[in-house]
């Protein structure tokens, strides 16, 4: 079963209204948001990290970056570091590398959701390939995934001035 099939079945089984979108191949969250014609602040970008040695998913708007130091302070973690794709690819055997959906609960991973996405009415997310996306209500996502919600993103436009 593909990730899209698995995710569709999971959403149907949980009576969630959603829309599947097919788009040209895109490898960045910002590009997918552009192809899908959705504001980047409503597109859920997955960032894989290790929190005190345990793999976890951070979910932030496509037009931002995760502030790892801020999240570490919020949750009391000693260390949060970015995970290399080779370190987590085997966790998502039904997904193309880098296209995993933010449903960590389906992969036994904790999920940390940025508050800005949690407050959006609708969110769009990758669905296991670089050509498929799903749009759904953020409240349904939160109900199914039970993420830890906090404000831990940095606006990339602000960051751009510091490089």
Protein backbone atom coordinates (compact mmCIF):
# COMPACT_ATOMS: atom_id res chain seq x y z
CA UNK A 1 0.00 0.00 0.00
CA UNK A 2 1.36 3.42 -0.91
CA UNK A 3 1.52 6.24 1.60
CA UNK A 4 -1.26 8.07 -0.24
CA UNK A 5 -3.49 4.98 -0.11
CA UNK A 6 -2.70 4.42 3.57
CA UNK A 7 -3.30 8.06 4.44
CA UNK A 8 -6.54 8.21 2.44
CA UNK A 9 -7.85 5.08 4.18
CA UNK A 10 -6.88 6.48 7.59
CA UNK A 11 -8.65 9.78 6.91
CA UNK A 12 -11.75 8.03 5.54
CA UNK A 13 -11.85 5.64 8.52
CA UNK A 14 -11.77 8.66 10.82
CA UNK A 15 -14.47 10.50 8.85
CA UNK A 16 -12.20 13.36 7.83
CA UNK A 17 -13.05 15.50 4.83
CA UNK A 18 -9.98 16.02 2.66
CA UNK A 19 -8.94 16.75 -0.91
CA UNK A 20 -6.11 15.09 -2.82
CA UNK A 21 -4.16 17.26 -5.25
CA UNK A 22 -1.72 16.11 -7.92
CA UNK A 23 0.95 18.55 -9.05
CA UNK A 24 4.22 18.65 -11.00
CA UNK A 25 7.20 17.19 -9.16
CA UNK A 26 8.33 19.52 -6.39
CA UNK A 27 11.04 18.95 -3.79
CA UNK A 28 10.53 21.89 -1.44
CA UNK A 29 7.54 22.81 0.68
CA UNK A 30 7.50 26.30 -0.83
CA UNK A 31 7.39 24.88 -4.36
CA UNK A 32 4.55 22.51 -3.47
CA UNK A 33 2.61 25.40 -1.91
CA UNK A 34 3.11 27.41 -5.11
CA UNK A 35 1.95 24.53 -7.34
CA UNK A 36 -1.05 23.99 -5.08
CA UNK A 37 -1.87 27.72 -5.05
CA UNK A 38 -2.03 27.80 -1.26
CA UNK A 39 -0.41 30.44 0.95
CA UNK A 40 2.93 29.05 2.20
CA UNK A 41 1.95 29.79 5.80
CA UNK A 42 -0.79 27.13 5.44
CA UNK A 43 1.47 24.43 3.99
CA UNK A 44 2.80 21.97 6.59
CA UNK A 45 6.56 21.47 6.16
CA UNK A 46 8.06 18.47 7.96
CA UNK A 47 11.46 18.86 9.60
CA UNK A 48 12.98 15.67 10.99
CA UNK A 49 15.04 16.04 14.16
CA UNK A 50 16.51 14.11 17.04
CA UNK A 51 15.30 15.34 20.43
CA UNK A 52 17.64 14.03 23.11
CA UNK A 53 18.51 11.19 20.75
CA UNK A 54 14.93 10.28 19.78
CA UNK A 55 13.63 10.84 16.25
CA UNK A 56 10.73 13.32 16.03
CA UNK A 57 8.77 15.36 13.51
CA UNK A 58 8.53 19.13 13.61
CA UNK A 59 5.79 20.69 11.51
CA UNK A 60 6.12 24.36 10.56
CA UNK A 61 4.70 26.62 7.83
CA UNK A 62 6.52 26.32 4.49
CA UNK A 63 7.74 29.91 4.62
CA UNK A 64 9.48 29.54 7.99
CA UNK A 65 12.24 27.59 9.72
CA UNK A 66 12.07 25.69 12.97
CA UNK A 67 13.86 27.43 15.84
CA UNK A 68 15.45 24.40 17.48
CA UNK A 69 16.84 26.35 20.43
CA UNK A 70 13.43 27.84 21.19
CA UNK A 71 11.74 24.43 21.02
CA UNK A 72 14.43 22.88 23.26
CA UNK A 73 13.78 25.59 25.83
CA UNK A 74 10.00 25.11 25.63
CA UNK A 75 10.09 21.33 26.09
CA UNK A 76 13.13 21.16 28.36
CA UNK A 77 15.24 19.14 25.92
CA UNK A 78 19.01 18.99 26.33
CA UNK A 79 19.64 18.74 22.59
CA UNK A 80 17.69 19.03 19.36
CA UNK A 81 19.55 18.48 16.10
CA UNK A 82 18.49 18.05 12.50
CA UNK A 83 18.29 14.46 11.26
CA UNK A 84 19.97 13.44 8.03
CA UNK A 85 17.69 11.78 5.48
CA UNK A 86 19.75 8.58 5.72
CA UNK A 87 18.93 8.41 9.43
CA UNK A 88 15.16 8.33 8.93
CA UNK A 89 14.41 7.09 5.39
CA UNK A 90 13.78 3.53 6.64
CA UNK A 91 11.07 4.81 9.02
CA UNK A 92 8.97 5.82 5.98
CA UNK A 93 9.18 2.83 3.61
CA UNK A 94 5.94 3.83 1.86
CA UNK A 95 7.11 7.40 1.12
CA UNK A 96 9.48 8.98 -1.34
CA UNK A 97 12.47 10.44 0.54
CA UNK A 98 11.59 13.90 1.84
CA UNK A 99 7.87 13.63 1.03
CA UNK A 100 6.56 12.12 4.26
CA UNK A 101 3.27 13.47 5.60
CA UNK A 102 3.25 15.01 9.09
CA UNK A 103 1.30 12.07 10.53
CA UNK A 104 3.98 10.91 12.95
CA UNK A 105 1.37 8.88 14.80
CA UNK A 106 1.28 6.49 11.82
CA UNK A 107 5.04 5.96 12.17
CA UNK A 108 5.33 5.91 15.99
CA UNK A 109 6.94 9.34 16.07
CA UNK A 110 6.12 12.33 18.27
CA UNK A 111 4.93 15.41 16.39
CA UNK A 112 5.58 19.02 17.37
CA UNK A 113 3.26 21.42 15.54
CA UNK A 114 3.93 25.13 15.30
CA UNK A 115 1.07 27.20 16.70
CA UNK A 116 0.73 29.26 13.49
CA UNK A 117 -0.28 26.12 11.56
CA UNK A 118 -2.55 24.96 14.37
CA UNK A 119 -4.45 28.24 14.08
CA UNK A 120 -5.03 27.93 10.31
CA UNK A 121 -8.49 26.76 9.29
CA UNK A 122 -7.10 24.53 6.51
CA UNK A 123 -3.65 23.06 5.99
CA UNK A 124 -2.04 21.38 3.00
CA UNK A 125 0.60 18.68 3.37
CA UNK A 126 2.67 16.26 1.35
CA UNK A 127 1.15 12.82 0.93
CA UNK A 128 4.14 10.54 0.47
CA UNK A 129 5.27 11.57 -3.01
CA UNK A 130 6.70 14.69 -4.59
CA UNK A 131 3.57 14.90 -6.79
CA UNK A 132 0.73 14.51 -4.27
CA UNK A 133 -0.66 16.74 -1.53
CA UNK A 134 -3.69 16.69 0.75
CA UNK A 135 -5.71 19.62 2.07
CA UNK A 136 -7.70 19.16 5.27
CA UNK A 137 -8.92 21.05 8.31
CA UNK A 138 -6.18 21.67 10.85
CA UNK A 139 -8.55 20.76 13.67
CA UNK A 140 -8.94 17.28 12.13
CA UNK A 141 -5.16 16.96 11.86
CA UNK A 142 -4.78 17.91 15.52
CA UNK A 143 -7.54 15.51 16.59
CA UNK A 144 -5.88 12.58 14.81
CA UNK A 145 -2.20 13.28 15.46
CA UNK A 146 -2.31 14.80 18.98
CA UNK A 147 0.78 16.93 18.38
CA UNK A 148 2.56 19.03 20.99
CA UNK A 149 1.64 22.59 19.96
CA UNK A 150 3.95 25.54 20.60
CA UNK A 151 5.40 28.60 18.86
CA UNK A 152 8.84 27.57 17.62
CA UNK A 153 9.18 28.86 14.06
CA UNK A 154 11.29 31.67 12.67
CA UNK A 155 10.16 33.77 9.73
CA UNK A 156 12.64 33.14 6.90
CA UNK A 157 12.22 36.70 5.64
CA UNK A 158 13.57 37.98 8.95
CA UNK A 159 16.39 35.42 8.87
CA UNK A 160 17.35 36.38 5.32
CA UNK A 161 18.65 39.72 6.56
CA UNK A 162 21.12 37.99 8.90
CA UNK A 163 23.02 35.88 6.34
